[in-house]
C-alpha cells in the first residue's frame, strides 16, 4: 500500500484526535503531526458544564489524553499552543506558529486534515466583552472563578449548552435567568415539545425569558429589548457558534455562504489532498440540504472515516440524522431528524403523531409519562423526524427511531419491531410500537387534527367533544368543548349522526376508541392528536409573553 509519508492534522479534540489515532492503528510508519492552538488536545468538551456545577468533581477527569500519553501510546507528534497560520496548497505545506513565542515553522504534508471547530458567537451589543463563553477548559475555569463571587447569572441562549450551564449554575446556588430570542427553547424540538423543558426550569427557580433580546451588558445588569433591565453579576453567552474557517478561506478552499467548509462524501475539500471534519464542516443530511451538525459523535465518526480514506480504505460518509439529547433537572429531551416547523415552512405534506404513554408498565412502580412525536412523509410513510420528552425512556426511544430511520423503515413498520420488554423497562406495547399502531390507523383512513389546527377546524363548523370523565373535564378543559364521556358516548351517538366532530381525551387513546364508535353511526369524526396534553402544552407555549 502506497501511504502518505506525512499527515498534518490541524485541531484536536473529537475529530482531529479520532483521525490521528485511527490513522496510527492503520499505519505504523506514517509521520502524524497534530497542531492544536489551545492548551489541551484531547478533552471532554461535552462535560464542561457538569464540572461547573460540581457533578463532575475532578477537573482532570475531563482531560482524556495528554501529548505525553499520545506519544507513548500512538507515537504522535502533538504540538499544543501551536497555531496553523497559513496553508500553501501548491507547495503542500502548513506554516505553524507557537502561540507563546511567535516562532514559525513550515511543515510539508502529503495529506492535511482540518478540524478547527467552531467558536461561540459574540453578539454585537454594548458590553459584550463582559460576557463569558464556554468552549474549552480555560473558559470553564473562568466561569467557575467568576461564579464564586457572583449571585445573579444571566445565560443568553436557550440551546443545549445554555440550558446545561443554567442547570449547573443553579446547582451552585446562584440565581439564574435564561434569555432566549426565539419563542421557545431547544430549536431542534417543536414548540409544544420544548414547553415542558421551560416549565421544568421554572419549577427549579430559573427565570426563563422567551422572545426576548439581550441588547446590552453593564457591570451589574443586562439590558433587554424594550429597555428592561435585569440584575446580573455574571453573563454567559451561548447564542450559537461560527465556524473557524479563516485559515481555509485564506487558502482558497471552497466554503458555503455561511462560511462552513464544503466536503464530499469522503470528507475531502475542494483540494483533494485536504480533508475536513467536525463543527466547521457542512454535513450531508438524510433529508434536506447539507448543513452544519454540531455533534461529537459525528466528529468522531468522520475523523475515523478520513483516516480510512488516507490509508487507502475509503468508504463514504452516511448522511447525518442530527440525533441529539439533553437532560435538565431530571427531564430528558431528545430529537432526531427534521421538525414539523421546518417541514411545514418548506411546504412538505407530512403526517404528525403525538402520544403520551408511560415509559414502562404502569403497574410497575416509578412509571412516568413519556411524550413522543413522530413526523412522517404523508405519501411514502418515510420517517422524517421524532422527538421525545420525559423523565425516563426518552433516550432509548429516540435511539430506536434513529436506527429505524437509518435502516429505511417506515412509520407503519415501527409497529412490528420486536423490542425488549419487562415491566420495569417498557410495556408489552412499547411506545415505539404504539407510534406504528397510530400511523397504521391514520394510513387506513382515521382522521386526525393537530393542536395548532383546532381553532381553524372549529371555525369551519366542527364540534369539539371531550370524551374524558367529568372529573378530568373539571380539572381543565379546552374552551367550548362539549363533555360526552366515552363510557356514555353511545347514548349520544345517534344525535351526532351527520355532524362533523372532533373528539379528544387526555392523550388520544380514548379519542381513537370514540372515533371508531362514532364513524359507525355516520359521524364524520377526527381525533385530536395527542389529546388534551398536547393541546395544553402547545397553547401554553404560544401564550408565552412576547418581548422585543
Protein backbone atom coordinates (compact mmCIF):
# COMPACT_ATOMS: atom_id res chain seq x y z
CA UNK A 1 0.00 0.00 0.00
CA UNK A 2 1.42 3.41 -1.01
CA UNK A 3 0.69 5.51 2.10
CA UNK A 4 1.39 9.23 2.55
CA UNK A 5 4.61 9.94 4.39
CA UNK A 6 3.39 12.89 6.49
CA UNK A 7 -0.12 13.72 7.65
CA UNK A 8 -0.70 17.05 9.39
CA UNK A 9 -3.87 17.46 11.47
CA UNK A 10 -4.97 20.96 12.44
CA UNK A 11 -7.08 20.84 15.60
CA UNK A 12 -7.52 18.10 18.15
CA UNK A 13 -10.44 17.05 20.36
CA UNK A 14 -13.07 14.76 18.76
CA UNK A 15 -12.50 14.92 15.00
CA UNK A 16 -8.78 15.58 14.90
CA UNK A 17 -7.78 13.05 17.51
CA UNK A 18 -10.05 10.36 16.09
CA UNK A 19 -8.31 10.83 12.75
CA UNK A 20 -4.84 10.76 14.31
CA UNK A 21 -5.29 7.68 16.47
CA UNK A 22 -7.18 5.71 13.83
CA UNK A 23 -4.52 6.50 11.24
CA UNK A 24 -1.80 5.28 13.55
CA UNK A 25 -3.62 1.99 14.03
CA UNK A 26 -3.74 1.63 10.26
CA UNK A 27 -0.19 2.77 9.54
CA UNK A 28 2.67 2.42 11.99
CA UNK A 29 5.13 4.23 9.73
CA UNK A 30 3.32 7.45 8.85
CA UNK A 31 4.51 10.68 10.41
CA UNK A 32 1.44 12.16 12.09
CA UNK A 33 1.66 15.75 13.37
CA UNK A 34 -1.19 17.35 15.35
CA UNK A 35 -1.27 21.14 15.72
CA UNK A 36 -3.53 22.42 18.50
CA UNK A 37 -3.85 26.13 19.26
CA UNK A 38 -5.20 25.51 22.76
CA UNK A 39 -3.61 24.03 25.84
CA UNK A 40 -5.39 20.67 25.64
CA UNK A 41 -5.53 18.44 22.58
CA UNK A 42 -8.00 15.87 23.88
CA UNK A 43 -10.66 16.83 26.41
CA UNK A 44 -14.33 16.11 27.05
CA UNK A 45 -15.91 19.37 25.94
CA UNK A 46 -19.42 17.98 26.43
CA UNK A 47 -18.59 17.56 30.11
CA UNK A 48 -17.58 21.18 30.74
CA UNK A 49 -20.97 22.39 32.12
CA UNK A 50 -21.04 19.50 34.58
CA UNK A 51 -17.75 20.44 36.18
CA UNK A 52 -19.09 23.99 36.55
CA UNK A 53 -21.91 22.52 38.65
CA UNK A 54 -19.73 20.05 40.54
CA UNK A 55 -21.41 16.98 39.04
CA UNK A 56 -18.02 16.00 37.62
CA UNK A 57 -15.90 16.77 40.64
CA UNK A 58 -12.35 16.27 39.39
CA UNK A 59 -11.24 18.62 36.61
CA UNK A 60 -8.62 16.13 35.49
CA UNK A 61 -11.37 13.68 34.52
CA UNK A 62 -12.13 15.97 31.58
CA UNK A 63 -8.63 15.62 30.14
CA UNK A 64 -8.80 12.43 28.09
CA UNK A 65 -5.28 12.34 26.64
CA UNK A 66 -2.16 14.46 27.02
CA UNK A 67 0.64 15.00 24.48
CA UNK A 68 2.81 12.69 26.58
CA UNK A 69 0.22 9.89 26.67
CA UNK A 70 -0.39 10.23 22.92
CA UNK A 71 3.33 9.95 22.24
CA UNK A 72 3.63 6.90 24.48
CA UNK A 73 0.65 5.02 23.08
CA UNK A 74 0.43 6.18 19.48
CA UNK A 75 3.75 7.75 18.61
CA UNK A 76 2.08 11.02 17.59
CA UNK A 77 3.85 14.34 17.28
CA UNK A 78 1.40 16.53 19.22
CA UNK A 79 2.11 20.25 19.47
CA UNK A 80 -0.18 22.21 21.76
CA UNK A 81 -0.21 26.01 21.91
CA UNK A 82 0.71 25.86 18.24
CA UNK A 83 -1.47 27.54 15.63
CA UNK A 84 -1.62 26.80 11.91
CA UNK A 85 -1.46 30.25 10.33
CA UNK A 86 -1.09 29.52 6.59
CA UNK A 87 -1.55 26.77 4.04
CA UNK A 88 0.42 26.73 0.79
CA UNK A 89 -1.56 24.28 -1.31
CA UNK A 90 0.80 24.43 -4.28
CA UNK A 91 3.82 23.61 -2.13
CA UNK A 92 1.89 21.24 0.16
CA UNK A 93 2.97 22.99 3.36
CA UNK A 94 1.46 24.37 6.56
CA UNK A 95 3.02 27.22 8.50
CA UNK A 96 2.79 26.63 12.25
CA UNK A 97 3.34 29.36 14.82
CA UNK A 98 4.00 28.98 18.54
CA UNK A 99 1.34 30.89 20.48
CA UNK A 100 3.82 31.56 23.26
CA UNK A 101 6.99 32.54 21.37
CA UNK A 102 5.73 33.51 17.91
CA UNK A 103 8.32 31.23 16.32
CA UNK A 104 7.18 29.79 12.98
CA UNK A 105 7.91 26.53 11.20
CA UNK A 106 6.92 25.37 7.72
CA UNK A 107 5.76 21.73 7.67
CA UNK A 108 5.36 19.74 4.47
CA UNK A 109 2.37 17.42 4.23
CA UNK A 110 1.20 14.65 1.97
CA UNK A 111 -2.29 14.85 3.43
CA UNK A 112 -3.80 17.62 5.56
CA UNK A 113 -6.79 17.23 7.89
CA UNK A 114 -8.60 20.34 9.14
CA UNK A 115 -10.52 20.04 12.39
CA UNK A 116 -10.68 23.68 13.57
CA UNK A 117 -14.12 23.50 15.17
CA UNK A 118 -16.45 26.43 15.74
CA UNK A 119 -16.19 29.33 18.17
CA UNK A 120 -19.01 30.84 20.27
CA UNK A 121 -20.72 33.84 18.74
CA UNK A 122 -20.26 37.16 20.49
CA UNK A 123 -23.29 39.22 19.57
CA UNK A 124 -22.54 42.84 18.59
CA UNK A 125 -24.03 44.64 21.60
CA UNK A 126 -22.58 47.17 24.05
CA UNK A 127 -20.57 45.49 26.81
CA UNK A 128 -20.30 42.14 25.03
CA UNK A 129 -16.70 41.88 26.24
CA UNK A 130 -18.10 41.39 29.76
CA UNK A 131 -19.81 38.17 28.71
CA UNK A 132 -18.11 34.81 29.11
CA UNK A 133 -18.38 31.88 26.71
CA UNK A 134 -17.80 28.14 27.08
CA UNK A 135 -15.66 26.34 24.53
CA UNK A 136 -12.69 24.87 26.38
CA UNK A 137 -11.24 24.23 29.83
CA UNK A 138 -9.93 27.79 30.16
CA UNK A 139 -13.43 29.16 29.52
CA UNK A 140 -14.81 26.72 32.09
CA UNK A 141 -12.26 27.84 34.65
CA UNK A 142 -13.19 31.49 34.06
CA UNK A 143 -16.89 30.76 34.62
CA UNK A 144 -16.15 28.87 37.84
CA UNK A 145 -13.92 31.67 39.10
CA UNK A 146 -16.49 34.38 38.36
CA UNK A 147 -19.40 32.37 39.74
CA UNK A 148 -17.60 32.06 43.09
CA UNK A 149 -18.32 35.74 43.81
CA UNK A 150 -21.50 36.16 41.74
CA UNK A 151 -25.06 35.86 42.94
CA UNK A 152 -27.13 36.51 39.83
CA UNK A 153 -26.37 34.99 36.41
CA UNK A 154 -27.90 35.59 33.01
CA UNK A 155 -27.39 32.89 30.39
CA UNK A 156 -28.04 34.24 26.90
CA UNK A 157 -29.29 31.41 24.72
CA UNK A 158 -31.68 28.53 25.30
CA UNK A 159 -29.90 25.82 23.33
CA UNK A 160 -28.24 22.69 24.66
CA UNK A 161 -25.14 24.28 26.19
CA UNK A 162 -27.06 27.25 27.55
CA UNK A 163 -29.54 25.05 29.40
CA UNK A 164 -26.85 22.70 30.71
CA UNK A 165 -24.98 25.72 32.06
CA UNK A 166 -28.16 27.19 33.55
CA UNK A 167 -28.85 23.98 35.44
CA UNK A 168 -25.31 23.66 36.72
CA UNK A 169 -25.03 27.29 37.78
CA UNK A 170 -28.27 26.77 39.68
CA UNK A 171 -26.66 23.76 41.35
CA UNK A 172 -24.00 26.18 42.58
CA UNK A 173 -26.74 28.12 44.35
CA UNK A 174 -26.87 31.10 42.01
CA UNK A 175 -29.97 32.96 40.83
CA UNK A 176 -30.18 32.13 37.13
CA UNK A 177 -32.12 33.60 34.22
CA UNK A 178 -32.18 32.27 30.65
CA UNK A 179 -32.80 34.85 27.92
CA UNK A 180 -33.76 33.45 24.51
CA UNK A 181 -34.65 35.45 21.38
CA UNK A 182 -36.77 32.66 19.91
CA UNK A 183 -40.28 31.90 21.20
CA UNK A 184 -39.06 28.53 22.51
CA UNK A 185 -36.07 26.74 23.99
CA UNK A 186 -34.21 23.98 22.12
CA UNK A 187 -34.75 24.71 18.42
CA UNK A 188 -34.28 21.02 17.39
CA UNK A 189 -37.67 20.43 19.04
CA UNK A 190 -41.07 21.79 18.05
CA UNK A 191 -42.64 24.35 20.33
CA UNK A 192 -45.10 22.06 22.12
CA UNK A 193 -42.34 19.52 22.81
CA UNK A 194 -39.96 22.17 24.14
CA UNK A 195 -42.54 23.68 26.51
CA UNK A 196 -42.10 21.04 29.28
CA UNK A 197 -38.39 21.93 29.46
CA UNK A 198 -39.24 25.59 30.10
CA UNK A 199 -41.71 24.52 32.78
CA UNK A 200 -39.11 22.27 34.45
CA UNK A 201 -36.54 25.08 34.53
CA UNK A 202 -39.05 27.45 36.10
CA UNK A 203 -40.02 24.79 38.62
CA UNK A 204 -36.40 24.81 39.78
CA UNK A 205 -36.24 28.57 40.16
CA UNK A 206 -34.79 29.60 36.79
CA UNK A 207 -36.30 32.70 35.20
CA UNK A 208 -36.95 31.77 31.56
CA UNK A 209 -37.49 34.70 29.19
CA UNK A 210 -38.55 33.72 25.69
CA UNK A 211 -38.90 36.02 22.67
CA UNK A 212 -36.51 38.31 24.50
CA UNK A 213 -33.45 40.04 23.07
CA UNK A 214 -30.28 40.79 25.04
CA UNK A 215 -29.20 44.25 23.85
CA UNK A 216 -26.53 45.30 26.36
CA UNK A 217 -24.32 44.11 29.21
CA UNK A 218 -23.44 46.52 32.03
CA UNK A 219 -21.27 46.00 35.11
CA UNK A 220 -24.12 44.77 37.34
CA UNK A 221 -27.06 44.21 34.98
CA UNK A 222 -28.12 43.41 31.44
CA UNK A 223 -30.39 45.42 29.17
CA UNK A 224 -33.20 43.59 27.41
CA UNK A 225 -35.25 44.61 24.40
CA UNK A 226 -37.62 47.44 25.17
CA UNK A 227 -35.23 48.88 27.74
CA UNK A 228 -35.99 46.47 30.60
CA UNK A 229 -33.02 45.71 32.85
CA UNK A 230 -32.18 42.56 34.78
CA UNK A 231 -29.57 42.30 37.58
CA UNK A 232 -26.55 40.21 36.61
CA UNK A 233 -23.15 39.74 38.24
CA UNK A 234 -22.18 37.22 35.55
CA UNK A 235 -23.31 36.85 31.93
CA UNK A 236 -22.62 33.76 29.84
CA UNK A 237 -23.17 33.93 26.08
CA UNK A 238 -24.46 30.74 24.46
CA UNK A 239 -26.19 32.11 21.38
CA UNK A 240 -24.62 29.92 18.72
CA UNK A 241 -21.31 29.27 17.03
CA UNK A 242 -19.49 30.27 13.87
CA UNK A 243 -17.01 28.06 12.00
CA UNK A 244 -13.28 28.64 12.47
CA UNK A 245 -12.55 28.64 8.75
CA UNK A 246 -10.39 31.75 8.24
CA UNK A 247 -7.34 29.55 7.56
CA UNK A 248 -9.28 27.54 4.97
CA UNK A 249 -10.69 30.68 3.35
CA UNK A 250 -7.23 32.23 3.03
CA UNK A 251 -6.06 29.01 1.38
CA UNK A 252 -8.85 29.30 -1.19
CA UNK A 253 -10.81 26.23 -0.13
CA UNK A 254 -14.48 26.22 -1.06
CA UNK A 255 -16.89 27.42 1.65
CA UNK A 256 -20.66 27.75 1.65
CA UNK A 257 -22.50 31.05 2.13
CA UNK A 258 -22.32 30.69 5.93
CA UNK A 259 -18.57 30.15 5.92
CA UNK A 260 -18.58 26.39 6.51
CA UNK A 261 -16.23 24.08 4.64
CA UNK A 262 -17.77 22.07 1.84
CA UNK A 263 -16.65 18.44 1.61
CA UNK A 264 -17.55 15.43 -0.49
CA UNK A 265 -18.75 12.06 0.76
CA UNK A 266 -15.19 11.21 1.77
CA UNK A 267 -14.65 14.45 3.75
CA UNK A 268 -12.39 15.84 1.01
CA UNK A 269 -12.42 19.59 0.50
CA UNK A 270 -12.10 21.29 -2.90
CA UNK A 271 -8.40 20.38 -2.64
CA UNK A 272 -8.25 16.58 -2.75
CA UNK A 273 -5.16 16.48 -0.53
CA UNK A 274 -7.00 18.36 2.22
CA UNK A 275 -9.76 16.83 4.34
CA UNK A 276 -12.05 18.46 6.92
CA UNK A 277 -14.12 17.18 9.83
CA UNK A 278 -16.04 18.49 12.80
CA UNK A 279 -18.08 21.59 13.56
CA UNK A 280 -16.59 23.71 10.75
CA UNK A 281 -17.94 21.40 8.04
CA UNK A 282 -21.38 21.07 6.43
CA UNK A 283 -22.73 17.54 6.59
CA UNK A 284 -24.87 15.67 4.13
CA UNK A 285 -28.32 15.23 5.70
CA UNK A 286 -30.63 12.27 5.23
CA UNK A 287 -33.41 14.70 4.29
CA UNK A 288 -32.88 18.23 3.09
CA UNK A 289 -29.80 20.22 2.09
CA UNK A 290 -26.34 19.82 3.62
CA UNK A 291 -25.97 21.80 6.83
CA UNK A 292 -23.83 22.09 9.96
CA UNK A 293 -24.41 19.42 12.62
CA UNK A 294 -22.53 20.18 15.84
CA UNK A 295 -22.34 16.72 17.37
CA UNK A 296 -19.35 14.96 18.92
CA UNK A 297 -20.42 11.57 17.60
CA UNK A 298 -20.32 12.77 14.01
CA UNK A 299 -16.94 14.43 14.51
CA UNK A 300 -15.50 11.18 15.86
CA UNK A 301 -17.08 9.16 13.08
CA UNK A 302 -15.82 11.44 10.34
CA UNK A 303 -12.34 11.60 11.86
CA UNK A 304 -12.17 7.83 11.65
CA UNK A 305 -13.50 7.92 8.09
CA UNK A 306 -10.78 10.37 6.99
CA UNK A 307 -8.09 8.12 8.42
CA UNK A 308 -9.53 5.20 6.46
CA UNK A 309 -9.55 7.25 3.24
CA UNK A 310 -5.95 8.40 3.73
CA UNK A 311 -4.89 4.82 4.46
CA UNK A 312 -6.48 3.56 1.25
CA UNK A 313 -9.59 2.02 2.81
CA UNK A 314 -12.24 4.55 1.66
CA UNK A 315 -15.93 4.39 2.46
CA UNK A 316 -18.48 7.15 2.07
CA UNK A 317 -19.96 9.11 4.96
CA UNK A 318 -23.52 8.22 5.93
CA UNK A 319 -25.95 11.17 5.82
CA UNK A 320 -26.39 12.74 9.25
CA UNK A 321 -29.66 12.37 11.15
CA UNK A 322 -28.84 15.02 13.76
CA UNK A 323 -29.66 12.85 16.78
CA UNK A 324 -29.34 14.90 19.98
CA UNK A 325 -30.30 14.72 23.66
CA UNK A 326 -30.26 16.84 26.80
CA UNK A 327 -31.17 16.22 30.42
CA UNK A 328 -32.06 19.10 32.77
CA UNK A 329 -33.34 18.71 36.35
CA UNK A 330 -34.38 15.11 35.73
CA UNK A 331 -36.24 15.80 32.47
CA UNK A 332 -34.83 14.43 29.21
CA UNK A 333 -35.49 15.86 25.76
CA UNK A 334 -34.23 14.08 22.65
CA UNK A 335 -34.70 14.57 18.92
CA UNK A 336 -33.71 13.10 15.59
CA UNK A 337 -34.24 14.32 12.05
CA UNK A 338 -36.48 17.18 10.92
CA UNK A 339 -39.01 19.22 12.87
CA UNK A 340 -42.63 19.82 11.95
CA UNK A 341 -41.86 23.55 11.90
CA UNK A 342 -39.14 23.17 9.27
CA UNK A 343 -41.12 20.83 7.07
CA UNK A 344 -44.28 22.93 7.07
CA UNK A 345 -42.22 26.01 6.22
CA UNK A 346 -40.95 24.05 3.20
CA UNK A 347 -44.50 23.18 2.18
CA UNK A 348 -44.00 19.45 2.68
CA UNK A 349 -47.00 17.14 3.00
CA UNK A 350 -46.46 15.43 6.34
CA UNK A 351 -48.30 13.33 8.91
CA UNK A 352 -47.71 14.06 12.59
CA UNK A 353 -48.36 11.80 15.58
CA UNK A 354 -48.22 12.63 19.31
CA UNK A 355 -48.58 10.02 22.05
CA UNK A 356 -48.10 10.18 25.83
CA UNK A 357 -47.58 6.63 27.14
CA UNK A 358 -45.85 5.57 30.33
CA UNK A 359 -42.12 4.97 29.95
CA UNK A 360 -42.66 1.47 31.36
CA UNK A 361 -45.61 -0.63 32.53
CA UNK A 362 -47.92 1.50 34.64
CA UNK A 363 -48.42 -1.19 37.25
CA UNK A 364 -44.68 -1.32 37.97
CA UNK A 365 -43.51 1.34 40.47
CA UNK A 366 -41.91 4.51 39.15
CA UNK A 367 -43.67 4.82 35.81
CA UNK A 368 -43.75 8.32 34.36
CA UNK A 369 -45.29 9.93 31.30
CA UNK A 370 -43.21 9.95 28.12
CA UNK A 371 -44.23 12.34 25.35
CA UNK A 372 -43.35 11.18 21.83
CA UNK A 373 -43.76 12.90 18.48
CA UNK A 374 -43.29 11.24 15.10
CA UNK A 375 -43.16 13.11 11.78
CA UNK A 376 -43.72 11.22 8.54
CA UNK A 377 -43.87 11.87 4.83
CA UNK A 378 -47.60 11.75 4.08
CA UNK A 379 -47.16 9.96 0.75
CA UNK A 380 -44.35 7.48 1.39
CA UNK A 381 -44.66 6.94 5.18
CA UNK A 382 -40.93 7.64 5.43
CA UNK A 383 -39.89 8.69 8.94
CA UNK A 384 -38.61 12.28 8.77
CA UNK A 385 -38.12 13.04 12.45
CA UNK A 386 -39.03 12.26 16.04
CA UNK A 387 -38.91 13.94 19.43
CA UNK A 388 -39.21 12.58 22.97
CA UNK A 389 -39.56 14.29 26.34
CA UNK A 390 -39.87 12.60 29.71
CA UNK A 391 -38.21 11.60 32.96
CA UNK A 392 -37.36 8.14 31.69
CA UNK A 393 -37.05 6.26 28.43
CA UNK A 394 -36.66 9.17 26.00
CA UNK A 395 -33.09 8.21 25.08
CA UNK A 396 -34.00 4.60 24.31
CA UNK A 397 -36.94 5.50 22.08
CA UNK A 398 -35.13 8.14 20.07
CA UNK A 399 -32.21 5.76 19.55
CA UNK A 400 -34.61 3.08 18.29
CA UNK A 401 -36.27 5.52 15.88
CA UNK A 402 -32.91 6.85 14.70
CA UNK A 403 -31.87 3.28 13.94
CA UNK A 404 -35.16 2.68 12.12
CA UNK A 405 -34.57 5.82 10.04
CA UNK A 406 -31.04 4.70 9.18
CA UNK A 407 -32.42 1.34 8.11
CA UNK A 408 -35.15 2.86 5.94
CA UNK A 409 -38.12 1.57 7.96
CA UNK A 410 -41.46 3.30 7.51
CA UNK A 411 -43.71 4.56 10.28
CA UNK A 412 -46.04 1.63 9.91
CA UNK A 413 -43.16 -0.81 10.31
CA UNK A 414 -42.43 0.54 13.80
CA UNK A 415 -45.43 -1.47 14.94
CA UNK A 416 -43.63 -4.70 14.11
CA UNK A 417 -40.32 -4.02 15.85
CA UNK A 418 -39.56 -6.66 18.45
CA UNK A 419 -38.21 -4.69 21.40
CA UNK A 420 -37.06 -5.81 24.84
CA UNK A 421 -39.88 -5.99 27.38
CA UNK A 422 -40.09 -6.45 31.11
CA UNK A 423 -42.40 -4.26 33.20
CA UNK A 424 -39.59 -2.20 34.73
CA UNK A 425 -38.21 -1.33 31.27
CA UNK A 426 -41.16 -0.98 28.92
CA UNK A 427 -44.71 -2.09 28.20
CA UNK A 428 -45.80 -5.08 26.15
CA UNK A 429 -46.82 -2.45 23.59
CA UNK A 430 -43.67 -0.36 23.59
CA UNK A 431 -44.16 3.38 22.94
CA UNK A 432 -42.29 2.95 19.65
CA UNK A 433 -44.71 0.19 18.63
CA UNK A 434 -47.60 2.44 19.63
CA UNK A 435 -46.39 5.11 17.21
CA UNK A 436 -46.56 2.47 14.49
CA UNK A 437 -50.09 1.46 15.52
CA UNK A 438 -51.30 5.06 15.37
CA UNK A 439 -49.66 5.52 11.98
CA UNK A 440 -51.33 2.32 10.80
CA UNK A 441 -54.73 3.72 11.84
CA UNK A 442 -54.12 7.00 10.04
CA UNK A 443 -52.98 5.30 6.85
CA UNK A 444 -56.16 3.24 6.99
CA UNK A 445 -58.26 6.40 6.95
CA UNK A 446 -58.67 7.65 10.51
CA UNK A 447 -58.78 11.46 10.58
CA UNK A 448 -56.52 13.45 12.90
CA UNK A 449 -56.32 17.12 13.85
CA UNK A 450 -53.21 18.79 15.26
CA UNK A 451 -53.37 21.06 18.30
CA UNK A 452 -52.50 24.11 16.20
CA UNK A 453 -55.20 23.26 13.64
CA UNK A 454 -58.06 23.03 16.15
CA UNK A 455 -59.23 26.65 16.02
CA UNK A 456 -59.39 26.60 12.22
CA UNK A 457 -61.43 23.39 12.15
CA UNK A 458 -63.87 24.74 14.72
CA UNK A 459 -64.23 27.93 12.70
CA UNK A 460 -65.26 25.68 9.80
CA UNK A 461 -68.11 24.30 11.92
CA UNK A 462 -66.63 21.19 13.54
CA UNK A 463 -67.91 20.40 17.05
CA UNK A 464 -65.41 19.52 19.77
CA UNK A 465 -66.36 16.62 22.04
CA UNK A 466 -64.44 15.84 25.25
CA UNK A 467 -64.72 12.10 25.94
CA UNK A 468 -62.83 12.21 29.25
CA UNK A 469 -64.55 11.81 32.61
CA UNK A 470 -66.41 14.60 34.39
CA UNK A 471 -63.58 14.84 36.92
CA UNK A 472 -60.92 15.27 34.24
CA UNK A 473 -63.02 17.87 32.44
CA UNK A 474 -63.49 19.83 35.66
CA UNK A 475 -59.73 19.93 36.27
CA UNK A 476 -59.04 21.52 32.89
CA UNK A 477 -60.88 21.72 29.60
CA UNK A 478 -60.49 23.15 26.11
CA UNK A 479 -62.82 26.17 25.93
CA UNK A 480 -66.05 25.30 24.16
CA UNK A 481 -65.62 21.53 24.37
CA UNK A 482 -68.80 19.52 24.97
CA UNK A 483 -68.44 16.80 27.60
CA UNK A 484 -69.57 13.33 26.49
CA UNK A 485 -67.61 10.72 28.49
CA UNK A 486 -66.55 7.72 26.44
CA UNK A 487 -68.44 5.19 28.54
CA UNK A 488 -71.71 7.06 27.85
CA UNK A 489 -70.96 8.04 24.26
CA UNK A 490 -73.35 5.52 22.70
CA UNK A 491 -76.21 7.39 24.33
CA UNK A 492 -75.24 10.50 22.32
CA UNK A 493 -74.03 8.84 19.14
CA UNK A 494 -77.33 8.92 17.22
CA UNK A 495 -77.73 12.64 17.93
CA UNK A 496 -74.35 13.28 16.27
CA UNK A 497 -75.20 11.47 13.02
CA UNK A 498 -74.28 13.59 10.02
CA UNK A 499 -72.22 16.02 12.13
CA UNK A 500 -68.53 16.88 11.79
CA UNK A 501 -66.97 16.15 15.15
CA UNK A 502 -63.51 16.34 16.69
CA UNK A 503 -63.15 14.08 19.74
CA UNK A 504 -60.44 14.35 22.34
CA UNK A 505 -59.33 12.65 25.52
CA UNK A 506 -56.23 13.14 27.64
CA UNK A 507 -53.62 11.61 25.31
CA UNK A 508 -55.50 10.32 22.25
CA UNK A 509 -56.16 6.65 23.02
CA UNK A 510 -59.77 7.04 24.23
CA UNK A 511 -60.26 9.51 21.41
CA UNK A 512 -59.33 6.77 18.95
CA UNK A 513 -61.93 4.45 20.52
CA UNK A 514 -64.56 7.21 20.40
CA UNK A 515 -63.78 7.98 16.77
CA UNK A 516 -64.13 4.32 15.80
CA UNK A 517 -67.52 4.17 17.51
CA UNK A 518 -68.91 7.38 16.02
CA UNK A 519 -67.85 6.53 12.48
CA UNK A 520 -70.19 3.56 12.64
CA UNK A 521 -73.06 5.95 13.43
CA UNK A 522 -72.44 8.01 10.30
CA UNK A 523 -70.47 10.74 12.03
CA UNK A 524 -67.58 12.46 10.23
CA UNK A 525 -65.07 12.31 13.06
CA UNK A 526 -61.44 13.27 13.71
CA UNK A 527 -59.31 12.60 16.76
CA UNK A 528 -57.34 15.46 18.35
CA UNK A 529 -53.78 14.14 18.00
CA UNK A 530 -52.09 13.72 21.37
CA UNK A 531 -55.25 14.78 23.17
CA UNK A 532 -55.58 17.40 25.86
CA UNK A 533 -51.93 17.09 26.97
CA UNK A 534 -50.52 18.06 23.57
CA UNK A 535 -53.06 20.87 23.16
CA UNK A 536 -52.28 22.23 26.63
CA UNK A 537 -48.52 22.17 26.01
CA UNK A 538 -48.81 23.81 22.61
CA UNK A 539 -51.18 26.55 23.68
CA UNK A 540 -49.13 27.25 26.81
CA UNK A 541 -46.06 27.70 24.61
CA UNK A 542 -47.82 30.11 22.28
CA UNK A 543 -49.10 32.14 25.23
CA UNK A 544 -45.53 32.94 26.31
CA UNK A 545 -45.12 36.72 26.73
CA UNK A 546 -43.64 38.30 23.64
CA UNK A 547 -40.87 40.81 24.33
CA UNK A 548 -38.97 42.93 21.86
